[in-house]
Protein backbone atom coordinates (compact mmCIF):
# COMPACT_ATOMS: atom_id res chain seq x y z
CA MET A 1 -28.76 -2.40 1.23
CA ASN A 2 -30.81 -0.76 -1.52
CA GLU A 3 -29.46 2.06 -3.64
CA GLN A 4 -31.76 4.66 -2.07
CA SER A 5 -30.25 4.44 1.37
CA PHE A 6 -27.14 5.67 3.14
CA GLY A 7 -25.33 5.52 6.46
CA LEU A 8 -24.85 8.49 8.78
CA TYR A 9 -21.64 8.80 10.81
CA ILE A 10 -21.26 11.43 13.54
CA HIS A 11 -17.86 12.09 15.11
CA VAL A 12 -17.47 13.17 18.73
CA PRO A 13 -13.79 14.11 19.09
CA TYR A 14 -13.48 14.40 22.88
CA CYS A 15 -11.68 11.91 25.12
CA VAL A 16 -10.91 11.64 28.83
CA HIS A 17 -7.44 10.46 27.92
CA LYS A 18 -5.44 9.80 24.73
CA CYS A 19 -4.31 6.16 24.70
CA GLY A 20 -0.71 5.54 23.66
CA TYR A 21 -1.61 3.66 20.47
CA CYS A 22 -4.45 5.95 19.33
CA ASP A 23 -4.12 7.89 16.08
CA PHE A 24 -7.82 8.78 15.79
CA ASN A 25 -8.99 12.38 15.78
CA SER A 26 -9.43 12.87 19.53
CA HIS A 27 -8.95 15.88 21.81
CA PRO A 28 -9.14 16.71 25.54
CA ILE A 29 -12.54 17.34 27.07
CA LYS A 30 -13.57 21.01 27.12
CA ARG A 31 -16.94 21.27 28.81
CA ASP A 32 -17.47 24.89 27.78
CA GLU A 33 -16.88 23.96 24.14
CA MET A 34 -18.93 20.76 23.95
CA GLU A 35 -22.38 22.35 23.93
CA THR A 36 -21.22 24.68 21.16
CA TYR A 37 -19.89 21.63 19.31
CA VAL A 38 -23.28 19.90 19.49
CA SER A 39 -24.95 23.05 18.14
CA ALA A 40 -22.43 23.11 15.27
CA LEU A 41 -23.19 19.45 14.50
CA ILE A 42 -26.87 20.32 14.18
CA LYS A 43 -26.11 23.24 11.84
CA GLU A 44 -24.01 20.93 9.66
CA MET A 45 -26.78 18.35 9.79
CA THR A 46 -29.31 20.91 8.57
CA HIS A 47 -27.04 21.86 5.65
CA TYR A 48 -26.59 18.29 4.46
CA SER A 49 -30.18 17.20 5.06
CA GLN A 50 -31.15 19.84 2.51
CA LYS A 51 -28.29 19.08 0.13
CA PHE A 52 -28.98 15.34 0.13
CA SER A 53 -32.76 15.50 0.52
CA SER A 54 -33.17 13.00 -2.33
CA ALA A 55 -30.46 10.58 -1.12
CA GLY A 56 -33.03 8.25 0.41
CA THR A 57 -33.43 6.58 3.77
CA VAL A 58 -30.86 6.51 6.55
CA ASN A 59 -30.47 2.82 7.41
CA SER A 60 -27.84 3.28 10.11
CA ILE A 61 -26.48 5.96 12.42
CA PHE A 62 -23.12 5.54 14.13
CA LEU A 63 -21.69 7.89 16.76
CA GLY A 64 -17.95 7.31 17.02
CA GLY A 65 -14.94 9.11 18.38
CA GLY A 66 -13.08 10.04 20.34
CA THR A 67 -15.54 8.98 23.02
CA PRO A 68 -19.18 9.92 22.34
CA THR A 69 -20.12 9.18 25.96
CA THR A 70 -18.07 12.17 27.09
CA LEU A 71 -21.19 14.09 26.00
CA SER A 72 -24.09 14.17 28.44
CA ALA A 73 -27.15 11.99 27.93
CA THR A 74 -29.11 15.18 27.15
CA GLN A 75 -26.65 16.17 24.42
CA LEU A 76 -26.66 12.67 22.91
CA ALA A 77 -30.46 12.65 22.94
CA ARG A 78 -30.52 16.06 21.25
CA ILE A 79 -28.25 14.82 18.45
CA LEU A 80 -30.44 11.80 17.75
CA GLU A 81 -33.64 13.84 17.96
CA GLU A 82 -32.28 16.23 15.32
CA CYS A 83 -31.27 13.29 13.09
CA LYS A 84 -34.86 12.06 13.20
CA LYS A 85 -36.21 15.53 12.43
CA GLN A 86 -33.93 16.23 9.52
CA PHE A 87 -33.46 12.87 7.80
CA ASN A 88 -35.75 10.05 6.74
CA ILE A 89 -34.66 7.41 9.26
CA ALA A 90 -35.68 3.82 8.55
CA GLU A 91 -38.04 2.35 11.16
CA ASP A 92 -35.60 -0.48 11.81
CA ALA A 93 -32.47 1.69 11.62
CA GLU A 94 -29.42 0.45 13.49
CA ILE A 95 -28.35 3.29 15.81
CA THR A 96 -24.95 2.67 17.40
CA LEU A 97 -23.15 4.54 20.14
CA GLU A 98 -19.50 3.89 20.99
CA ALA A 99 -18.86 3.88 24.73
CA ASN A 100 -15.84 3.80 27.02
CA PRO A 101 -16.29 1.99 30.36
CA ALA A 102 -14.57 4.92 32.07
CA THR A 103 -17.11 7.52 30.90
CA ILE A 104 -20.59 6.04 31.25
CA GLY A 105 -22.83 5.28 34.22
CA SER A 106 -26.13 3.54 34.81
CA ASP A 107 -28.36 6.64 34.57
CA GLN A 108 -26.66 7.78 31.37
CA LEU A 109 -27.08 4.33 29.80
CA LYS A 110 -30.80 4.28 30.62
CA SER A 111 -31.30 7.77 29.18
CA ILE A 112 -29.37 6.90 26.01
CA ARG A 113 -31.44 3.78 25.44
CA GLN A 114 -34.68 5.70 26.03
CA ALA A 115 -33.54 8.34 23.53
CA GLY A 116 -33.53 5.68 20.80
CA TYR A 117 -29.98 4.34 20.57
CA ASN A 118 -30.42 0.59 20.04
CA ARG A 119 -26.86 -0.72 19.69
CA ILE A 120 -23.84 -0.06 21.89
CA SER A 121 -20.19 -0.74 21.10
CA ILE A 122 -18.00 -0.85 24.19
CA GLY A 123 -14.24 -0.29 23.93
CA VAL A 124 -13.08 -3.10 26.22
CA GLN A 125 -9.71 -3.87 24.50
CA SER A 126 -8.68 -6.39 27.21
CA PHE A 127 -9.94 -8.23 30.28
CA ASP A 128 -6.42 -8.28 31.72
CA GLU A 129 -5.44 -5.50 34.14
CA GLU A 130 -1.79 -5.51 33.10
CA GLU A 131 -2.67 -5.29 29.42
CA LEU A 132 -5.06 -2.42 30.11
CA LYS A 133 -2.27 -0.55 31.90
CA LEU A 134 0.15 -1.23 29.05
CA LEU A 135 -2.45 0.02 26.55
CA ASP A 136 -2.82 3.19 28.62
CA ARG A 137 -6.57 2.68 29.02
CA ALA A 138 -8.53 4.82 31.48
CA HIS A 139 -10.62 1.90 32.79
CA GLY A 140 -10.09 -1.36 34.65
CA VAL A 141 -11.62 -4.83 34.37
CA GLU A 142 -14.26 -4.19 37.05
CA GLU A 143 -15.53 -1.15 35.13
CA ILE A 144 -15.90 -3.31 32.01
CA HIS A 145 -18.13 -5.82 33.80
CA CYS A 146 -20.21 -3.06 35.40
CA THR A 147 -20.68 -1.20 32.11
CA VAL A 148 -21.74 -4.30 30.16
CA ASP A 149 -24.13 -5.41 32.90
CA ARG A 150 -25.65 -1.93 33.17
CA ALA A 151 -26.04 -1.74 29.38
CA ARG A 152 -28.07 -4.96 29.50
CA GLU A 153 -30.15 -3.70 32.43
CA SER A 154 -30.82 -0.50 30.45
CA GLY A 155 -32.36 -2.48 27.61
CA PHE A 156 -29.55 -2.84 25.08
CA SER A 157 -30.13 -6.17 23.32
CA ASN A 158 -27.51 -5.53 20.62
CA LEU A 159 -24.09 -5.17 22.23
CA SER A 160 -20.64 -5.22 20.64
CA LEU A 161 -17.28 -5.47 22.39
CA ASP A 162 -13.93 -4.29 20.98
CA LEU A 163 -10.90 -6.41 21.82
CA MET A 164 -7.25 -5.99 20.89
CA PHE A 165 -4.66 -8.71 20.26
CA ALA A 166 -0.92 -8.78 19.50
CA ILE A 167 -0.27 -6.67 22.58
CA PRO A 168 3.40 -6.84 23.68
CA ASP A 169 4.08 -10.04 25.70
CA GLN A 170 0.58 -11.39 25.05
CA THR A 171 0.53 -15.21 24.94
CA LEU A 172 -1.91 -17.49 23.13
CA ASP A 173 -3.33 -18.52 26.51
CA GLY A 174 -3.64 -14.90 27.59
CA TRP A 175 -5.52 -13.98 24.42
CA GLY A 176 -7.68 -17.08 24.77
CA ASN A 177 -8.65 -15.96 28.26
CA ASN A 178 -9.67 -12.54 26.89
CA LEU A 179 -11.93 -14.23 24.35
CA ARG A 180 -13.48 -16.49 27.00
CA GLN A 181 -14.10 -13.54 29.32
CA ALA A 182 -15.76 -11.66 26.45
CA LEU A 183 -18.14 -14.54 25.73
CA VAL A 184 -19.18 -14.67 29.39
CA LYS A 185 -20.79 -11.26 28.75
CA LYS A 186 -22.83 -12.78 25.88
CA PRO A 187 -22.20 -10.06 23.25
CA GLU A 188 -24.03 -10.16 19.92
CA HIS A 189 -20.92 -8.85 18.15
CA LEU A 190 -17.15 -8.81 18.62
CA SER A 191 -14.55 -6.66 16.87
CA THR A 192 -11.04 -8.04 17.32
CA TYR A 193 -8.22 -5.77 16.19
CA ASN A 194 -4.55 -6.48 15.74
CA LEU A 195 -2.66 -3.76 17.62
CA THR A 196 -0.84 -1.69 15.02
CA ILE A 197 1.56 1.11 15.84
CA GLU A 198 1.45 4.42 13.99
CA LYS A 199 4.65 6.51 13.96
CA GLU A 200 3.18 9.71 15.38
CA THR A 201 1.61 8.09 18.45
CA SER A 202 3.23 7.72 21.87
CA PHE A 203 3.63 4.00 21.18
CA GLY A 204 5.25 4.80 17.83
CA LYS A 205 7.89 6.90 19.54
CA LEU A 206 8.52 4.18 22.13
CA GLN A 207 8.85 1.56 19.40
CA SER A 208 11.30 3.66 17.37
CA SER A 209 13.47 4.11 20.47
CA GLY A 210 13.45 0.37 21.16
CA LYS A 211 11.39 0.68 24.35
CA LEU A 212 8.36 -1.13 22.94
CA VAL A 213 8.77 -4.50 21.22
CA MET A 214 5.84 -5.89 19.27
CA PRO A 215 5.13 -9.62 18.71
CA ASP A 216 6.56 -11.01 15.49
CA GLU A 217 4.33 -11.70 12.47
CA ASP A 218 4.16 -15.46 13.08
CA HIS A 219 2.85 -14.93 16.61
CA GLN A 220 0.34 -12.33 15.40
CA LEU A 221 -0.91 -14.83 12.83
CA GLU A 222 -1.30 -17.53 15.49
CA LEU A 223 -3.34 -15.14 17.62
CA PHE A 224 -5.56 -14.33 14.63
CA LYS A 225 -6.07 -18.01 13.82
CA ARG A 226 -6.97 -18.72 17.46
CA THR A 227 -9.57 -15.93 17.27
CA ILE A 228 -11.22 -17.35 14.17
CA ASP A 229 -11.29 -20.94 15.43
CA PHE A 230 -12.53 -20.10 18.93
CA LEU A 231 -15.31 -17.74 17.87
CA LYS A 232 -16.54 -20.05 15.10
CA GLU A 233 -16.66 -22.91 17.61
CA ASN A 234 -18.84 -20.69 19.80
CA GLY A 235 -21.40 -19.83 17.14
CA PHE A 236 -20.09 -16.55 15.77
CA HIS A 237 -20.21 -15.72 12.08
CA HIS A 238 -16.87 -14.39 10.80
CA TYR A 239 -18.18 -11.85 8.29
CA GLU A 240 -15.29 -9.36 7.97
CA ILE A 241 -11.57 -9.71 8.62
CA SER A 242 -11.78 -8.23 12.13
CA ASN A 243 -15.46 -8.74 12.92
CA PHE A 244 -17.62 -11.57 14.22
CA ALA A 245 -21.34 -11.64 14.96
CA ARG A 246 -24.18 -13.83 16.04
CA PRO A 247 -26.29 -14.59 12.93
CA GLY A 248 -28.25 -11.48 11.95
CA LYS A 249 -26.25 -9.15 14.22
CA GLU A 250 -23.61 -8.04 11.72
CA CYS A 251 -22.93 -4.29 11.94
CA ARG A 252 -25.12 -2.76 9.24
CA HIS A 253 -23.30 0.58 9.31
CA ASN A 254 -19.88 -0.95 8.73
CA ILE A 255 -21.21 -3.15 5.93
CA THR A 256 -22.39 0.02 4.15
CA TYR A 257 -18.83 1.33 4.45
CA TRP A 258 -17.21 -1.92 3.23
CA GLN A 259 -19.55 -1.94 0.25
CA ASN A 260 -18.24 1.54 -0.61
CA SER A 261 -21.82 2.79 -0.52
CA ASN A 262 -22.99 6.27 0.40
CA THR A 263 -22.07 7.33 3.93
CA LEU A 264 -22.48 10.91 5.17
CA GLY A 265 -20.08 12.05 7.88
CA LEU A 266 -20.66 14.91 10.32
CA GLY A 267 -18.35 16.42 12.91
CA ALA A 268 -14.69 17.32 13.32
CA GLY A 269 -12.44 15.11 11.22
CA ALA A 270 -15.32 13.09 9.75
CA SER A 271 -14.66 11.51 6.35
CA PHE A 272 -17.53 10.67 4.04
CA TYR A 273 -18.39 9.34 0.61
CA MET A 274 -21.53 10.54 -1.15
CA ASN A 275 -22.43 10.15 -4.82
CA GLY A 276 -18.86 9.44 -5.93
CA ILE A 277 -17.31 12.33 -4.00
CA ARG A 278 -15.00 11.73 -1.05
CA SER A 279 -14.70 14.52 1.53
CA LYS A 280 -13.08 15.15 4.88
CA ASN A 281 -13.81 17.73 7.57
CA THR A 282 -11.19 19.73 9.42
CA ASN A 283 -9.85 17.95 12.54
CA LEU A 284 -9.67 20.55 15.33
CA PRO A 285 -13.02 21.07 17.10
CA THR A 286 -12.41 24.84 17.44
CA ASN A 287 -11.74 25.15 13.70
CA TYR A 288 -14.72 22.93 12.91
CA ILE A 289 -17.06 25.07 15.01
CA ARG A 290 -15.74 28.27 13.43
CA GLU A 291 -16.16 26.95 9.88
CA ILE A 292 -19.67 25.63 10.54
CA ASN A 293 -20.77 28.93 12.04
CA LYS A 294 -19.29 30.77 9.06
CA LYS A 295 -20.50 28.63 6.13
CA HIS A 296 -22.36 25.55 7.51
CA THR A 297 -19.68 23.14 6.26
CA ALA A 298 -16.16 22.33 7.47
CA VAL A 299 -14.81 20.36 4.51
CA GLU A 300 -11.05 20.78 4.12
CA PHE A 301 -10.62 18.23 1.35
CA SER A 302 -12.89 16.92 -1.37
CA GLU A 303 -12.35 14.97 -4.57
CA SER A 304 -14.49 13.32 -7.20
CA LEU A 305 -13.20 9.78 -7.63
CA ARG A 306 -12.17 8.70 -11.09
CA PRO A 307 -13.83 5.43 -12.21
CA ARG A 308 -10.63 3.42 -11.74
CA GLN A 309 -10.17 4.88 -8.24
CA ALA A 310 -13.74 4.02 -7.27
CA MET A 311 -13.35 0.49 -8.63
CA GLY A 312 -10.12 -0.05 -6.72
CA GLU A 313 -11.58 1.21 -3.47
CA THR A 314 -14.71 -0.90 -3.92
CA LEU A 315 -12.56 -4.02 -4.34
CA MET A 316 -10.20 -3.06 -1.52
CA LEU A 317 -13.07 -2.57 0.94
CA GLY A 318 -15.30 -5.37 -0.34
CA LEU A 319 -12.61 -8.02 -0.09
CA ARG A 320 -12.45 -7.37 3.65
CA MET A 321 -15.80 -9.12 3.89
CA LEU A 322 -15.66 -12.90 3.97
CA LYS A 323 -18.43 -13.22 1.38
CA GLY A 324 -16.40 -11.02 -0.96
CA ILE A 325 -17.76 -9.03 -3.87
CA SER A 326 -20.60 -9.86 -6.24
CA ILE A 327 -19.06 -9.68 -9.71
CA MET A 328 -22.47 -9.00 -11.25
CA LYS A 329 -23.15 -6.06 -8.90
CA PHE A 330 -19.65 -4.69 -9.44
CA GLU A 331 -20.06 -4.79 -13.23
CA ASP A 332 -23.54 -3.28 -13.05
CA ARG A 333 -22.27 -0.46 -10.84
CA PHE A 334 -19.29 0.42 -13.04
CA GLN A 335 -20.66 -0.69 -16.41
CA THR A 336 -17.54 -2.64 -17.26
CA SER A 337 -16.21 -6.18 -17.08
CA ILE A 338 -14.14 -6.83 -13.97
CA LYS A 339 -11.84 -9.06 -16.03
CA SER A 340 -11.17 -6.30 -18.56
CA ILE A 341 -9.68 -4.18 -15.76
CA TYR A 342 -8.39 -6.68 -13.22
CA GLY A 343 -8.20 -9.94 -15.17
CA ASP A 344 -4.42 -10.32 -14.88
CA VAL A 345 -4.40 -9.45 -11.15
CA ILE A 346 -7.21 -11.92 -10.40
CA ALA A 347 -5.57 -14.67 -12.47
CA SER A 348 -2.27 -14.20 -10.64
CA LEU A 349 -3.93 -14.24 -7.22
CA LYS A 350 -5.99 -17.33 -8.14
CA GLU A 351 -2.83 -19.12 -9.26
CA LYS A 352 -1.28 -18.34 -5.86
CA GLU A 353 -4.50 -19.60 -4.21
CA LEU A 354 -5.10 -16.24 -2.53
CA VAL A 355 -8.57 -15.55 -4.02
CA THR A 356 -11.41 -17.67 -5.32
CA ILE A 357 -14.42 -17.08 -7.55
CA GLU A 358 -17.42 -19.13 -6.45
CA GLN A 359 -21.08 -18.57 -7.29
CA GLY A 360 -20.26 -15.21 -8.84
CA GLN A 361 -18.41 -13.92 -5.74
CA LEU A 362 -14.78 -12.82 -5.75
CA ARG A 363 -13.42 -13.48 -2.28
CA LEU A 364 -10.27 -14.10 -0.32
CA SER A 365 -9.32 -17.75 0.10
CA LYS A 366 -8.44 -19.03 3.58
CA LYS A 367 -4.78 -18.57 2.68
CA GLY A 368 -5.53 -15.09 1.31
CA LEU A 369 -7.35 -14.14 4.50
CA PHE A 370 -4.09 -14.40 6.44
CA LEU A 371 -2.32 -12.25 3.84
CA ALA A 372 -5.23 -9.88 3.33
CA ASN A 373 -3.38 -6.57 3.37
CA SER A 374 -0.91 -7.55 0.66
CA VAL A 375 -3.64 -9.20 -1.46
CA ILE A 376 -5.95 -6.17 -1.28
CA LEU A 377 -3.15 -3.81 -2.29
CA GLU A 378 -2.89 -5.63 -5.61
CA PHE A 379 -6.13 -3.91 -6.67
CA ILE A 380 -5.00 -0.35 -5.90
């Protein structure tokens, strides 16, 4: 990723249904509001295309949510058309759309592909009906198979599936079956997430009342190890803690994020990082629309990162990638020696065999990979 490029993230906050574990910025569908929301997105886009006219080429576009496919194919096409009008989009740009099997049909998939979206990320979560019910998902297993098959028929040759492990009562065999079912669909990319419970969610309230019991840490670790071993055996490249890809199909947009490189965010609740400044938009769609119509931006929080903050975040994000961080690039970016700032931390972690330095790359060791969260926090 060259310096004169950035990623573009667009948030669509609407959902058919709020899953019990979800703490993302998502809101009930309001058909009368959604067209106004798309118009507000385009106004915000116009503002930032002018502000960052010299920021370079957009190498990736990612529509996330919420559920972007709650918008119509016409609305999704309009958003992408405006992106192409207002920004310098790379010819080979990766253009991803998140999709929920419960909200997308064959005609919509064909229209989306024809509009120029070239990568689709489908929120499967599980191939087990009971697990889907427990997770409070709005779709069933049959809808997953139909959606993936229709995506292929519509011309999507770059397809990612999201799966979730450490679900209550999930066994190693049960998780292994989920992975096998996923590979039957021949995805180019898999994101496998450990179910985590946030306090303010429905699941958080159930857990605090003792009505939801999560697997212990040892079992979660076994599930994670099974994931790594199985997917490596089947030709997937483990390139980030939670992400696996066929060679050359790593998610370009997410790599931009993990490298702490410029990413512009549009839409309600979108966070973004441009030229050393971190910003976040207001969450509620109604407030977002009002602010955009009033002043073309909806930023509720913005801060210029101090050098030490930026260094810490760059290490925290970069160590999530299996290849780690180039020490030379880090030092060139921040014009300081990494050892002068983090020498003691690195030495301590190396002594504990949690990180390694090989060929100029600081990375997690295999042992450190399984303790990633605690290792990464050492740099903050």
